[in-house]
Amino acid sequence: MSAAATGVGSLPGGDAREAAKTVTGSFEEFPYLAELPARGPGADMIGRSLGLLVDMYAHVEPSGWRISDRPGRDSKRARSWLGEDLDALEEFTQGYTGKLKVQAVGPWTLAGALELHGGEAMLQDPGACRDLAGSLAEGLREHLADVRKRIPGADVVLQLDEPSLTAVLLGRVRSASGYRTYRAVDRQVVEGALRDLFAVHDGEVVVHSCAPEVPFGLLRRAGATGVSFDFSLLTEREDDAIGEAVEGGTKLFAGVVPGTDAPLSDPGGSVMGVRKLWRRLGLAPGTLAESVVVTPSCGLAGASPAYARAVQAHCVRAARSLADNPE
């Protein structure tokens, strides 16, 4: 059993073919659809996900993305870049069979980033949050069908990026003025919206957050089959939740390699913390390879192209080291 490795989402640069070639060359067994935010608004993770929405539109203001009444240049550009990225990935995955990951921003991070007409975040309006989640679900259904049509041999894994989820649950998302925060959203409401969204995909659903205090229990109850996180932010407080998750069959996408240029240790050293965690939790070393996917700690958009390539190759070697020497 070899441990898997994959990327988180973003890469530096703006060339879709180059990105697809790098990803499929690095992660032969678990490629992903890269995001290239350096191209500008609409290629960023928020803009790309807003481009997926059905019957809901957004445009760019100096303060960020704002809701629109009709589709404009910004939503069209987001869709066009996504099409370009899919064309490139399709070209480099001819005849591919195996896991393939696509990413979109989850409803709560999107609601914290998208402004209503007045400039406040959609997060403050429960009705608008429901509409947003429904529109995203519809858009994801179409997007996943398109990916399956283009790469019929792929076993598609859907990753939802929710870096703001903990802030939403704890009432830490700042208002437009920056002087106050929006009130915390009820955990049941958050969990329910995620559960409904996960249901659009009949394959694996992974939630990614590179923030501290990832709510492992809530994500598991909502039906996530995997959680992707920055391993360096874990504290022993999360031990119980992680132990329960692993025993319940949840995959851990462990971000063990820095997402911006830094010296890389040997591949075995990068997964040392994962081995220690396993020992601390009293889990069987033999389960490491099937429970853990090795990734960078976050997207690689802020890295140099050379480092981004090196990191992806490093993750594959680190995963191999984990499988070969789980002890």
C-alpha atoms as a PDB file:
ATOM      1  CA  MET A   1       0.000   0.000   0.000  1.00  0.00           C
ATOM      2  CA  SER A   2       1.626   3.270  -1.034  1.00  0.00           C
ATOM      3  CA  ALA A   3       0.656   6.474   0.751  1.00  0.00           C
ATOM      4  CA  ALA A   4      -0.796   9.109  -1.548  1.00  0.00           C
ATOM      5  CA  ALA A   5       0.308  12.684  -2.153  1.00  0.00           C
ATOM      6  CA  THR A   6      -1.398  15.573  -3.915  1.00  0.00           C
ATOM      7  CA  GLY A   7      -1.425  19.385  -4.026  1.00  0.00           C
ATOM      8  CA  VAL A   8      -3.762  21.818  -2.326  1.00  0.00           C
ATOM      9  CA  GLY A   9      -4.876  23.995  -5.251  1.00  0.00           C
ATOM     10  CA  SER A  10      -2.989  27.079  -6.358  1.00  0.00           C
ATOM     11  CA  LEU A  11       0.291  27.357  -8.260  1.00  0.00           C
ATOM     12  CA  PRO A  12       2.440  30.349  -9.267  1.00  0.00           C
ATOM     13  CA  GLY A  13       2.404  31.658 -12.836  1.00  0.00           C
ATOM     14  CA  GLY A  14      -0.359  32.052 -15.378  1.00  0.00           C
ATOM     15  CA  ASP A  15       0.138  29.322 -17.980  1.00  0.00           C
ATOM     16  CA  ALA A  16      -2.606  26.683 -17.771  1.00  0.00           C
ATOM     17  CA  ARG A  17      -0.777  24.097 -19.919  1.00  0.00           C
ATOM     18  CA  GLU A  18       2.444  24.459 -17.929  1.00  0.00           C
ATOM     19  CA  ALA A  19       0.477  24.032 -14.666  1.00  0.00           C
ATOM     20  CA  ALA A  20      -1.372  20.926 -15.911  1.00  0.00           C
ATOM     21  CA  LYS A  21       1.880  19.423 -17.146  1.00  0.00           C
ATOM     22  CA  THR A  22       3.599  20.048 -13.771  1.00  0.00           C
ATOM     23  CA  VAL A  23       0.708  18.637 -11.738  1.00  0.00           C
ATOM     24  CA  THR A  24       0.211  15.495 -13.817  1.00  0.00           C
ATOM     25  CA  GLY A  25       3.973  14.954 -13.964  1.00  0.00           C
ATOM     26  CA  SER A  26       4.430  15.330 -10.195  1.00  0.00           C
ATOM     27  CA  PHE A  27       1.317  13.536  -8.953  1.00  0.00           C
ATOM     28  CA  GLU A  28       0.898  10.673 -11.395  1.00  0.00           C
ATOM     29  CA  GLU A  29      -1.516   8.899  -9.029  1.00  0.00           C
ATOM     30  CA  PHE A  30      -3.453  11.871  -7.626  1.00  0.00           C
ATOM     31  CA  PRO A  31      -3.369  14.965  -9.892  1.00  0.00           C
ATOM     32  CA  TYR A  32      -5.590  17.998  -9.289  1.00  0.00           C
ATOM     33  CA  LEU A  33      -7.025  20.910 -11.249  1.00  0.00           C
ATOM     34  CA  ALA A  34      -4.611  23.773 -10.529  1.00  0.00           C
ATOM     35  CA  GLU A  35      -5.687  27.357  -9.816  1.00  0.00           C
ATOM     36  CA  LEU A  36      -3.518  30.209 -11.117  1.00  0.00           C
ATOM     37  CA  PRO A  37      -4.498  33.373  -9.208  1.00  0.00           C
ATOM     38  CA  ALA A  38      -1.597  35.417 -10.663  1.00  0.00           C
ATOM     39  CA  ARG A  39      -3.751  35.901 -13.805  1.00  0.00           C
ATOM     40  CA  GLY A  40      -5.933  38.326 -11.852  1.00  0.00           C
ATOM     41  CA  PRO A  41      -9.446  38.591 -10.351  1.00  0.00           C
ATOM     42  CA  GLY A  42     -11.549  35.620 -11.423  1.00  0.00           C
ATOM     43  CA  ALA A  43      -8.569  33.265 -11.355  1.00  0.00           C
ATOM     44  CA  ASP A  44      -8.310  33.607  -7.542  1.00  0.00           C
ATOM     45  CA  MET A  45     -10.080  30.942  -5.503  1.00  0.00           C
ATOM     46  CA  ILE A  46     -12.984  33.226  -4.500  1.00  0.00           C
ATOM     47  CA  GLY A  47     -13.496  34.544  -8.045  1.00  0.00           C
ATOM     48  CA  ARG A  48     -13.286  31.104  -9.604  1.00  0.00           C
ATOM     49  CA  SER A  49     -15.920  29.717  -7.226  1.00  0.00           C
ATOM     50  CA  LEU A  50     -18.191  32.733  -7.790  1.00  0.00           C
ATOM     51  CA  GLY A  51     -17.920  31.927 -11.498  1.00  0.00           C
ATOM     52  CA  LEU A  52     -19.458  28.507 -10.769  1.00  0.00           C
ATOM     53  CA  LEU A  53     -22.621  29.973  -9.196  1.00  0.00           C
ATOM     54  CA  VAL A  54     -25.952  29.413 -10.950  1.00  0.00           C
ATOM     55  CA  ASP A  55     -28.319  32.434 -11.275  1.00  0.00           C
ATOM     56  CA  MET A  56     -26.106  34.498  -8.962  1.00  0.00           C
ATOM     57  CA  TYR A  57     -23.406  36.876 -10.170  1.00  0.00           C
ATOM     58  CA  ALA A  58     -20.568  38.940  -8.780  1.00  0.00           C
ATOM     59  CA  HIS A  59     -18.163  41.651  -9.911  1.00  0.00           C
ATOM     60  CA  VAL A  60     -14.967  43.158  -8.549  1.00  0.00           C
ATOM     61  CA  GLU A  61     -15.039  46.393  -6.515  1.00  0.00           C
ATOM     62  CA  PRO A  62     -11.927  47.996  -4.964  1.00  0.00           C
ATOM     63  CA  SER A  63     -12.935  46.317  -1.667  1.00  0.00           C
ATOM     64  CA  GLY A  64     -13.338  42.842  -3.180  1.00  0.00           C
ATOM     65  CA  TRP A  65     -16.103  40.765  -4.782  1.00  0.00           C
ATOM     66  CA  ARG A  66     -19.645  42.144  -4.672  1.00  0.00           C
ATOM     67  CA  ILE A  67     -22.992  40.652  -5.686  1.00  0.00           C
ATOM     68  CA  SER A  68     -24.376  41.789  -9.103  1.00  0.00           C
ATOM     69  CA  ASP A  69     -27.796  41.631 -10.713  1.00  0.00           C
ATOM     70  CA  ARG A  70     -26.523  40.242 -13.996  1.00  0.00           C
ATOM     71  CA  PRO A  71     -23.433  38.472 -15.317  1.00  0.00           C
ATOM     72  CA  GLY A  72     -20.638  40.916 -16.122  1.00  0.00           C
ATOM     73  CA  ARG A  73     -17.089  40.871 -17.378  1.00  0.00           C
ATOM     74  CA  ASP A  74     -15.637  39.490 -14.137  1.00  0.00           C
ATOM     75  CA  SER A  75     -17.870  36.384 -13.909  1.00  0.00           C
ATOM     76  CA  LYS A  76     -17.362  35.704 -17.628  1.00  0.00           C
ATOM     77  CA  ARG A  77     -13.600  35.941 -17.198  1.00  0.00           C
ATOM     78  CA  ALA A  78     -13.698  33.511 -14.253  1.00  0.00           C
ATOM     79  CA  ARG A  79     -15.627  30.978 -16.345  1.00  0.00           C
ATOM     80  CA  SER A  80     -13.330  31.395 -19.309  1.00  0.00           C
ATOM     81  CA  TRP A  81     -10.196  30.767 -17.214  1.00  0.00           C
ATOM     82  CA  LEU A  82     -11.773  27.703 -15.638  1.00  0.00           C
ATOM     83  CA  GLY A  83     -12.512  26.391 -19.149  1.00  0.00           C
ATOM     84  CA  GLU A  84      -8.899  26.994 -20.157  1.00  0.00           C
ATOM     85  CA  ASP A  85      -7.640  25.105 -17.075  1.00  0.00           C
ATOM     86  CA  LEU A  86      -9.986  22.186 -17.762  1.00  0.00           C
ATOM     87  CA  ASP A  87      -8.891  22.022 -21.421  1.00  0.00           C
ATOM     88  CA  ALA A  88      -5.247  21.847 -20.320  1.00  0.00           C
ATOM     89  CA  LEU A  89      -5.905  19.192 -17.670  1.00  0.00           C
ATOM     90  CA  GLU A  90      -7.935  17.131 -20.153  1.00  0.00           C
ATOM     91  CA  GLU A  91      -5.032  17.242 -22.604  1.00  0.00           C
ATOM     92  CA  PHE A  92      -2.555  15.874 -20.029  1.00  0.00           C
ATOM     93  CA  THR A  93      -4.894  13.218 -18.579  1.00  0.00           C
ATOM     94  CA  GLN A  94      -5.814  11.334 -21.779  1.00  0.00           C
ATOM     95  CA  GLY A  95      -6.577   7.736 -20.775  1.00  0.00           C
ATOM     96  CA  TYR A  96      -5.978   8.504 -17.079  1.00  0.00           C
ATOM     97  CA  THR A  97      -7.726   6.317 -14.516  1.00  0.00           C
ATOM     98  CA  GLY A  98      -7.468   7.068 -10.810  1.00  0.00           C
ATOM     99  CA  LYS A  99      -8.084   9.831  -8.326  1.00  0.00           C
ATOM    100  CA  LEU A 100      -8.376  13.415  -9.532  1.00  0.00           C
ATOM    101  CA  LYS A 101      -9.074  16.375  -7.231  1.00  0.00           C
ATOM    102  CA  VAL A 102     -10.990  19.546  -8.039  1.00  0.00           C
ATOM    103  CA  GLN A 103     -11.329  22.464  -5.600  1.00  0.00           C
ATOM    104  CA  ALA A 104     -13.997  25.072  -4.909  1.00  0.00           C
ATOM    105  CA  VAL A 105     -14.487  27.491  -2.041  1.00  0.00           C
ATOM    106  CA  GLY A 106     -17.086  26.324   0.485  1.00  0.00           C
ATOM    107  CA  PRO A 107     -20.249  28.328   1.248  1.00  0.00           C
ATOM    108  CA  TRP A 108     -19.088  29.838   4.551  1.00  0.00           C
ATOM    109  CA  THR A 109     -15.770  31.232   3.368  1.00  0.00           C
ATOM    110  CA  LEU A 110     -17.585  32.479   0.248  1.00  0.00           C
ATOM    111  CA  ALA A 111     -20.277  34.177   2.393  1.00  0.00           C
ATOM    112  CA  GLY A 112     -17.546  35.918   4.385  1.00  0.00           C
ATOM    113  CA  ALA A 113     -15.816  37.145   1.211  1.00  0.00           C
ATOM    114  CA  LEU A 114     -18.776  38.167  -0.980  1.00  0.00           C
ATOM    115  CA  GLU A 115     -20.282  41.607  -0.346  1.00  0.00           C
ATOM    116  CA  LEU A 116     -23.973  42.487  -0.555  1.00  0.00           C
ATOM    117  CA  HIS A 117     -24.947  45.655  -2.461  1.00  0.00           C
ATOM    118  CA  GLY A 118     -24.349  47.786   0.648  1.00  0.00           C
ATOM    119  CA  GLY A 119     -20.807  46.517   1.144  1.00  0.00           C
ATOM    120  CA  GLU A 120     -21.341  44.245   4.162  1.00  0.00           C
ATOM    121  CA  ALA A 121     -20.528  40.535   3.834  1.00  0.00           C
ATOM    122  CA  MET A 122     -23.278  38.146   2.822  1.00  0.00           C
ATOM    123  CA  LEU A 123     -22.454  36.325   6.060  1.00  0.00           C
ATOM    124  CA  GLN A 124     -24.660  38.740   8.021  1.00  0.00           C
ATOM    125  CA  ASP A 125     -27.814  37.720   6.088  1.00  0.00           C
ATOM    126  CA  PRO A 126     -28.975  34.135   6.798  1.00  0.00           C
ATOM    127  CA  GLY A 127     -31.353  34.100   3.793  1.00  0.00           C
ATOM    128  CA  ALA A 128     -28.601  35.249   1.444  1.00  0.00           C
ATOM    129  CA  CYS A 129     -26.290  32.543   2.867  1.00  0.00           C
ATOM    130  CA  ARG A 130     -28.920  29.895   2.064  1.00  0.00           C
ATOM    131  CA  ASP A 131     -29.323  31.200  -1.497  1.00  0.00           C
ATOM    132  CA  LEU A 132     -25.553  31.247  -1.959  1.00  0.00           C
ATOM    133  CA  ALA A 133     -25.162  27.641  -0.748  1.00  0.00           C
ATOM    134  CA  GLY A 134     -27.991  26.513  -3.067  1.00  0.00           C
ATOM    135  CA  SER A 135     -26.510  28.308  -6.071  1.00  0.00           C
ATOM    136  CA  LEU A 136     -23.058  26.841  -5.321  1.00  0.00           C
ATOM    137  CA  ALA A 137     -24.504  23.324  -5.041  1.00  0.00           C
ATOM    138  CA  GLU A 138     -26.134  23.686  -8.456  1.00  0.00           C
ATOM    139  CA  GLY A 139     -22.934  25.046 -10.005  1.00  0.00           C
ATOM    140  CA  LEU A 140     -20.790  22.303  -8.479  1.00  0.00           C
ATOM    141  CA  ARG A 141     -23.138  19.644  -9.820  1.00  0.00           C
ATOM    142  CA  GLU A 142     -22.618  21.001 -13.364  1.00  0.00           C
ATOM    143  CA  HIS A 143     -18.853  21.425 -12.871  1.00  0.00           C
ATOM    144  CA  LEU A 144     -18.397  17.847 -11.586  1.00  0.00           C
ATOM    145  CA  ALA A 145     -20.431  16.466 -14.500  1.00  0.00           C
ATOM    146  CA  ASP A 146     -18.204  18.416 -16.917  1.00  0.00           C
ATOM    147  CA  VAL A 147     -15.015  17.068 -15.284  1.00  0.00           C
ATOM    148  CA  ARG A 148     -16.345  13.491 -15.496  1.00  0.00           C
ATOM    149  CA  LYS A 149     -17.221  13.934 -19.144  1.00  0.00           C
ATOM    150  CA  ARG A 150     -13.770  15.275 -19.986  1.00  0.00           C
ATOM    151  CA  ILE A 151     -11.806  12.714 -17.925  1.00  0.00           C
ATOM    152  CA  PRO A 152     -14.085   9.664 -17.841  1.00  0.00           C
ATOM    153  CA  GLY A 153     -11.553   7.415 -16.066  1.00  0.00           C
ATOM    154  CA  ALA A 154     -11.195   9.794 -13.113  1.00  0.00           C
ATOM    155  CA  ASP A 155     -12.438   9.013  -9.642  1.00  0.00           C
ATOM    156  CA  VAL A 156     -13.209  12.647  -8.771  1.00  0.00           C
ATOM    157  CA  VAL A 157     -12.440  13.941  -5.274  1.00  0.00           C
ATOM    158  CA  LEU A 158     -14.134  17.250  -4.432  1.00  0.00           C
ATOM    159  CA  GLN A 159     -12.199  19.594  -2.134  1.00  0.00           C
ATOM    160  CA  LEU A 160     -14.040  22.502  -0.543  1.00  0.00           C
ATOM    161  CA  ASP A 161     -11.775  25.287   0.706  1.00  0.00           C
ATOM    162  CA  GLU A 162     -13.069  26.693   4.005  1.00  0.00           C
ATOM    163  CA  PRO A 163     -10.204  28.709   5.526  1.00  0.00           C
ATOM    164  CA  SER A 164     -12.710  31.065   7.236  1.00  0.00           C
ATOM    165  CA  LEU A 165     -14.855  28.291   8.732  1.00  0.00           C
ATOM    166  CA  THR A 166     -13.416  28.533  12.256  1.00  0.00           C
ATOM    167  CA  ALA A 167     -13.760  32.348  12.194  1.00  0.00           C
ATOM    168  CA  VAL A 168     -17.409  31.994  11.075  1.00  0.00           C
ATOM    169  CA  LEU A 169     -18.146  29.567  13.934  1.00  0.00           C
ATOM    170  CA  LEU A 170     -16.417  31.755  16.532  1.00  0.00           C
ATOM    171  CA  GLY A 171     -17.729  35.143  15.338  1.00  0.00           C
ATOM    172  CA  ARG A 172     -14.307  36.417  14.239  1.00  0.00           C
ATOM    173  CA  VAL A 173     -15.056  37.537  10.660  1.00  0.00           C
ATOM    174  CA  ARG A 174     -14.548  41.324  10.484  1.00  0.00           C
ATOM    175  CA  SER A 175     -17.202  43.669   9.112  1.00  0.00           C
ATOM    176  CA  ALA A 176     -16.586  46.047   6.191  1.00  0.00           C
ATOM    177  CA  SER A 177     -15.443  48.846   8.522  1.00  0.00           C
ATOM    178  CA  GLY A 178     -13.126  46.451  10.332  1.00  0.00           C
ATOM    179  CA  TYR A 179     -14.359  47.819  13.701  1.00  0.00           C
ATOM    180  CA  ARG A 180     -16.712  44.977  14.534  1.00  0.00           C
ATOM    181  CA  THR A 181     -17.168  41.306  13.748  1.00  0.00           C
ATOM    182  CA  TYR A 182     -20.211  39.463  12.413  1.00  0.00           C
ATOM    183  CA  ARG A 183     -21.999  37.351  14.970  1.00  0.00           C
ATOM    184  CA  ALA A 184     -21.080  33.664  15.078  1.00  0.00           C
ATOM    185  CA  VAL A 185     -23.235  31.404  12.899  1.00  0.00           C
ATOM    186  CA  ASP A 186     -24.971  28.586  14.753  1.00  0.00           C
ATOM    187  CA  ARG A 187     -23.003  25.316  14.455  1.00  0.00           C
ATOM    188  CA  GLN A 188     -26.100  23.367  13.368  1.00  0.00           C
ATOM    189  CA  VAL A 189     -26.754  25.832  10.546  1.00  0.00           C
ATOM    190  CA  VAL A 190     -23.121  25.592   9.402  1.00  0.00           C
ATOM    191  CA  GLU A 191     -23.149  21.808   9.567  1.00  0.00           C
ATOM    192  CA  GLY A 192     -26.507  21.538   7.753  1.00  0.00           C
ATOM    193  CA  ALA A 193     -25.397  23.761   4.868  1.00  0.00           C
ATOM    194  CA  LEU A 194     -22.193  21.752   4.461  1.00  0.00           C
ATOM    195  CA  ARG A 195     -24.063  18.440   4.593  1.00  0.00           C
ATOM    196  CA  ASP A 196     -26.430  19.566   1.817  1.00  0.00           C
ATOM    197  CA  LEU A 197     -23.508  20.719  -0.300  1.00  0.00           C
ATOM    198  CA  PHE A 198     -21.476  17.525   0.193  1.00  0.00           C
ATOM    199  CA  ALA A 199     -24.514  15.580  -1.042  1.00  0.00           C
ATOM    200  CA  VAL A 200     -24.063  16.916  -4.612  1.00  0.00           C
ATOM    201  CA  HIS A 201     -21.047  14.611  -5.030  1.00  0.00           C
ATOM    202  CA  ASP A 202     -21.256  10.845  -4.729  1.00  0.00           C
ATOM    203  CA  GLY A 203     -17.477  10.479  -4.331  1.00  0.00           C
ATOM    204  CA  GLU A 204     -14.983  11.628  -1.716  1.00  0.00           C
ATOM    205  CA  VAL A 205     -15.396  15.129  -0.276  1.00  0.00           C
ATOM    206  CA  VAL A 206     -12.443  16.768   1.469  1.00  0.00           C
ATOM    207  CA  VAL A 207     -12.583  20.070   3.345  1.00  0.00           C
ATOM    208  CA  HIS A 208      -9.399  22.170   3.367  1.00  0.00           C
ATOM    209  CA  SER A 209      -8.554  24.814   5.942  1.00  0.00           C
ATOM    210  CA  CYS A 210      -5.093  26.191   6.586  1.00  0.00           C
ATOM    211  CA  ALA A 211      -6.330  28.062   9.698  1.00  0.00           C
ATOM    212  CA  PRO A 212      -5.823  26.963  13.324  1.00  0.00           C
ATOM    213  CA  GLU A 213      -8.557  25.072  15.234  1.00  0.00           C
ATOM    214  CA  VAL A 214     -10.053  23.142  12.318  1.00  0.00           C
ATOM    215  CA  PRO A 215     -13.451  21.751  13.479  1.00  0.00           C
ATOM    216  CA  PHE A 216     -12.718  18.073  12.702  1.00  0.00           C
ATOM    217  CA  GLY A 217     -15.803  16.754  14.535  1.00  0.00           C
ATOM    218  CA  LEU A 218     -18.255  19.079  12.803  1.00  0.00           C
ATOM    219  CA  LEU A 219     -16.808  18.306   9.352  1.00  0.00           C
ATOM    220  CA  ARG A 220     -17.020  14.589   9.988  1.00  0.00           C
ATOM    221  CA  ARG A 221     -20.644  14.820  11.148  1.00  0.00           C
ATOM    222  CA  ALA A 222     -21.482  16.834   8.027  1.00  0.00           C
ATOM    223  CA  GLY A 223     -20.157  13.922   5.950  1.00  0.00           C
ATOM    224  CA  ALA A 224     -16.642  14.981   4.888  1.00  0.00           C
ATOM    225  CA  THR A 225     -14.595  11.894   3.997  1.00  0.00           C
ATOM    226  CA  GLY A 226     -11.321  13.803   4.458  1.00  0.00           C
ATOM    227  CA  VAL A 227      -9.915  16.908   6.118  1.00  0.00           C
ATOM    228  CA  SER A 228      -6.991  18.860   4.658  1.00  0.00           C
ATOM    229  CA  PHE A 229      -5.043  21.082   7.069  1.00  0.00           C
ATOM    230  CA  ASP A 230      -1.728  22.729   7.898  1.00  0.00           C
ATOM    231  CA  PHE A 231      -0.058  20.108  10.079  1.00  0.00           C
ATOM    232  CA  SER A 232       2.168  22.700  11.798  1.00  0.00           C
ATOM    233  CA  LEU A 233      -0.905  24.393  13.350  1.00  0.00           C
ATOM    234  CA  LEU A 234      -2.132  21.260  15.150  1.00  0.00           C
ATOM    235  CA  THR A 235      -2.013  21.252  18.930  1.00  0.00           C
ATOM    236  CA  GLU A 236      -2.469  18.321  21.327  1.00  0.00           C
ATOM    237  CA  ARG A 237      -5.947  19.756  22.028  1.00  0.00           C
ATOM    238  CA  GLU A 238      -6.987  18.312  18.678  1.00  0.00           C
ATOM    239  CA  ASP A 239      -5.662  14.813  19.448  1.00  0.00           C
ATOM    240  CA  ASP A 240      -9.007  13.313  20.479  1.00  0.00           C
ATOM    241  CA  ALA A 241     -10.864  14.746  17.488  1.00  0.00           C
ATOM    242  CA  ILE A 242      -8.166  13.474  15.111  1.00  0.00           C
ATOM    243  CA  GLY A 243      -8.069  10.037  16.737  1.00  0.00           C
ATOM    244  CA  GLU A 244     -11.859   9.741  16.394  1.00  0.00           C
ATOM    245  CA  ALA A 245     -11.714  10.949  12.792  1.00  0.00           C
ATOM    246  CA  VAL A 246      -9.072   8.386  11.799  1.00  0.00           C
ATOM    247  CA  GLU A 247     -10.860   5.559  13.573  1.00  0.00           C
ATOM    248  CA  GLY A 248     -14.068   6.618  11.811  1.00  0.00           C
ATOM    249  CA  GLY A 249     -12.342   6.283   8.426  1.00  0.00           C
ATOM    250  CA  THR A 250     -11.697   9.987   7.731  1.00  0.00           C
ATOM    251  CA  LYS A 251      -8.628  10.610   5.584  1.00  0.00           C
ATOM    252  CA  LEU A 252      -6.136  13.198   6.787  1.00  0.00           C
ATOM    253  CA  PHE A 253      -4.649  15.384   4.060  1.00  0.00           C
ATOM    254  CA  ALA A 254      -1.641  16.432   6.116  1.00  0.00           C
ATOM    255  CA  GLY A 255       0.012  19.661   4.961  1.00  0.00           C
ATOM    256  CA  VAL A 256       3.547  18.953   6.108  1.00  0.00           C
ATOM    257  CA  VAL A 257       5.671  20.985   3.662  1.00  0.00           C
ATOM    258  CA  PRO A 258       5.723  24.832   3.715  1.00  0.00           C
ATOM    259  CA  GLY A 259       3.701  26.481   0.936  1.00  0.00           C
ATOM    260  CA  THR A 260       6.215  29.298   0.382  1.00  0.00           C
ATOM    261  CA  ASP A 261       9.931  29.009  -0.330  1.00  0.00           C
ATOM    262  CA  ALA A 262      11.765  27.389   2.590  1.00  0.00           C
ATOM    263  CA  PRO A 263      14.574  24.850   2.925  1.00  0.00           C
ATOM    264  CA  LEU A 264      13.188  21.319   2.429  1.00  0.00           C
ATOM    265  CA  SER A 265      14.275  18.648   4.894  1.00  0.00           C
ATOM    266  CA  ASP A 266      14.714  15.063   3.772  1.00  0.00           C
ATOM    267  CA  PRO A 267      11.340  13.502   2.791  1.00  0.00           C
ATOM    268  CA  GLY A 268      11.340  11.247   5.878  1.00  0.00           C
ATOM    269  CA  GLY A 269      11.856  14.279   8.111  1.00  0.00           C
ATOM    270  CA  SER A 270       8.806  15.998   6.615  1.00  0.00           C
ATOM    271  CA  VAL A 271       6.493  13.222   7.837  1.00  0.00           C
ATOM    272  CA  MET A 272       8.199  12.676  11.213  1.00  0.00           C
ATOM    273  CA  GLY A 273       5.433  14.657  12.944  1.00  0.00           C
ATOM    274  CA  VAL A 274       2.765  12.424  11.406  1.00  0.00           C
ATOM    275  CA  ARG A 275       4.518   9.308  12.740  1.00  0.00           C
ATOM    276  CA  LYS A 276       4.769  10.918  16.189  1.00  0.00           C
ATOM    277  CA  LEU A 277       1.067  11.808  16.126  1.00  0.00           C
ATOM    278  CA  TRP A 278       0.225   8.190  15.305  1.00  0.00           C
ATOM    279  CA  ARG A 279       2.306   6.969  18.250  1.00  0.00           C
ATOM    280  CA  ARG A 280       0.747   9.544  20.574  1.00  0.00           C
ATOM    281  CA  LEU A 281      -2.759   8.458  19.550  1.00  0.00           C
ATOM    282  CA  GLY A 282      -1.861   4.770  19.889  1.00  0.00           C
ATOM    283  CA  LEU A 283      -2.920   4.081  16.281  1.00  0.00           C
ATOM    284  CA  ALA A 284      -1.530   1.104  14.363  1.00  0.00           C
ATOM    285  CA  PRO A 285       1.434   2.219  12.197  1.00  0.00           C
ATOM    286  CA  GLY A 286       0.125  -0.016   9.405  1.00  0.00           C
ATOM    287  CA  THR A 287      -2.893   2.280   8.971  1.00  0.00           C
ATOM    288  CA  LEU A 288      -0.751   5.348   8.199  1.00  0.00           C
ATOM    289  CA  ALA A 289      -0.496   4.805   4.466  1.00  0.00           C
ATOM    290  CA  GLU A 290      -4.237   4.367   3.949  1.00  0.00           C
ATOM    291  CA  SER A 291      -5.259   7.193   6.321  1.00  0.00           C
ATOM    292  CA  VAL A 292      -2.839   9.945   5.317  1.00  0.00           C
ATOM    293  CA  VAL A 293      -2.388  11.902   2.078  1.00  0.00           C
ATOM    294  CA  VAL A 294       0.734  14.107   2.068  1.00  0.00           C
ATOM    295  CA  THR A 295       0.310  17.691   0.763  1.00  0.00           C
ATOM    296  CA  PRO A 296       1.922  21.120   1.017  1.00  0.00           C
ATOM    297  CA  SER A 297       0.564  23.107   3.997  1.00  0.00           C
ATOM    298  CA  CYS A 298      -1.455  25.416   1.731  1.00  0.00           C
ATOM    299  CA  GLY A 299      -1.717  26.555  -1.883  1.00  0.00           C
ATOM    300  CA  LEU A 300       1.561  27.354  -3.668  1.00  0.00           C
ATOM    301  CA  ALA A 301       0.565  30.621  -5.387  1.00  0.00           C
ATOM    302  CA  GLY A 302       3.043  32.582  -3.263  1.00  0.00           C
ATOM    303  CA  ALA A 303       5.977  30.257  -4.015  1.00  0.00           C
ATOM    304  CA  SER A 304       8.585  30.566  -6.761  1.00  0.00           C
ATOM    305  CA  PRO A 305       7.924  28.257  -9.745  1.00  0.00           C
ATOM    306  CA  ALA A 306      11.075  26.242  -8.960  1.00  0.00           C
ATOM    307  CA  TYR A 307      10.056  25.765  -5.314  1.00  0.00           C
ATOM    308  CA  ALA A 308       6.481  24.825  -6.318  1.00  0.00           C
ATOM    309  CA  ARG A 309       7.855  22.070  -8.571  1.00  0.00           C
ATOM    310  CA  ALA A 310      10.309  20.889  -5.906  1.00  0.00           C
ATOM    311  CA  VAL A 311       7.635  20.785  -3.190  1.00  0.00           C
ATOM    312  CA  GLN A 312       5.287  18.637  -5.248  1.00  0.00           C
ATOM    313  CA  ALA A 313       8.014  16.081  -5.977  1.00  0.00           C
ATOM    314  CA  HIS A 314       9.018  16.229  -2.292  1.00  0.00           C
ATOM    315  CA  CYS A 315       5.448  15.394  -1.165  1.00  0.00           C
ATOM    316  CA  VAL A 316       5.458  12.265  -3.334  1.00  0.00           C
ATOM    317  CA  ARG A 317       8.781  11.120  -1.821  1.00  0.00           C
ATOM    318  CA  ALA A 318       7.573  11.921   1.715  1.00  0.00           C
ATOM    319  CA  ALA A 319       4.435   9.825   1.148  1.00  0.00           C
ATOM    320  CA  ARG A 320       6.595   6.945  -0.064  1.00  0.00           C
ATOM    321  CA  SER A 321       8.743   7.243   3.060  1.00  0.00           C
ATOM    322  CA  LEU A 322       5.602   7.114   5.221  1.00  0.00           C
ATOM    323  CA  ALA A 323       4.421   3.947   3.510  1.00  0.00           C
ATOM    324  CA  ASP A 324       7.838   2.249   3.606  1.00  0.00           C
ATOM    325  CA  ASN A 325       8.712   3.155   7.231  1.00  0.00           C
ATOM    326  CA  PRO A 326       5.491   3.780   9.146  1.00  0.00           C
ATOM    327  CA  GLU A 327       7.276   3.235  12.475  1.00  0.00           C
END
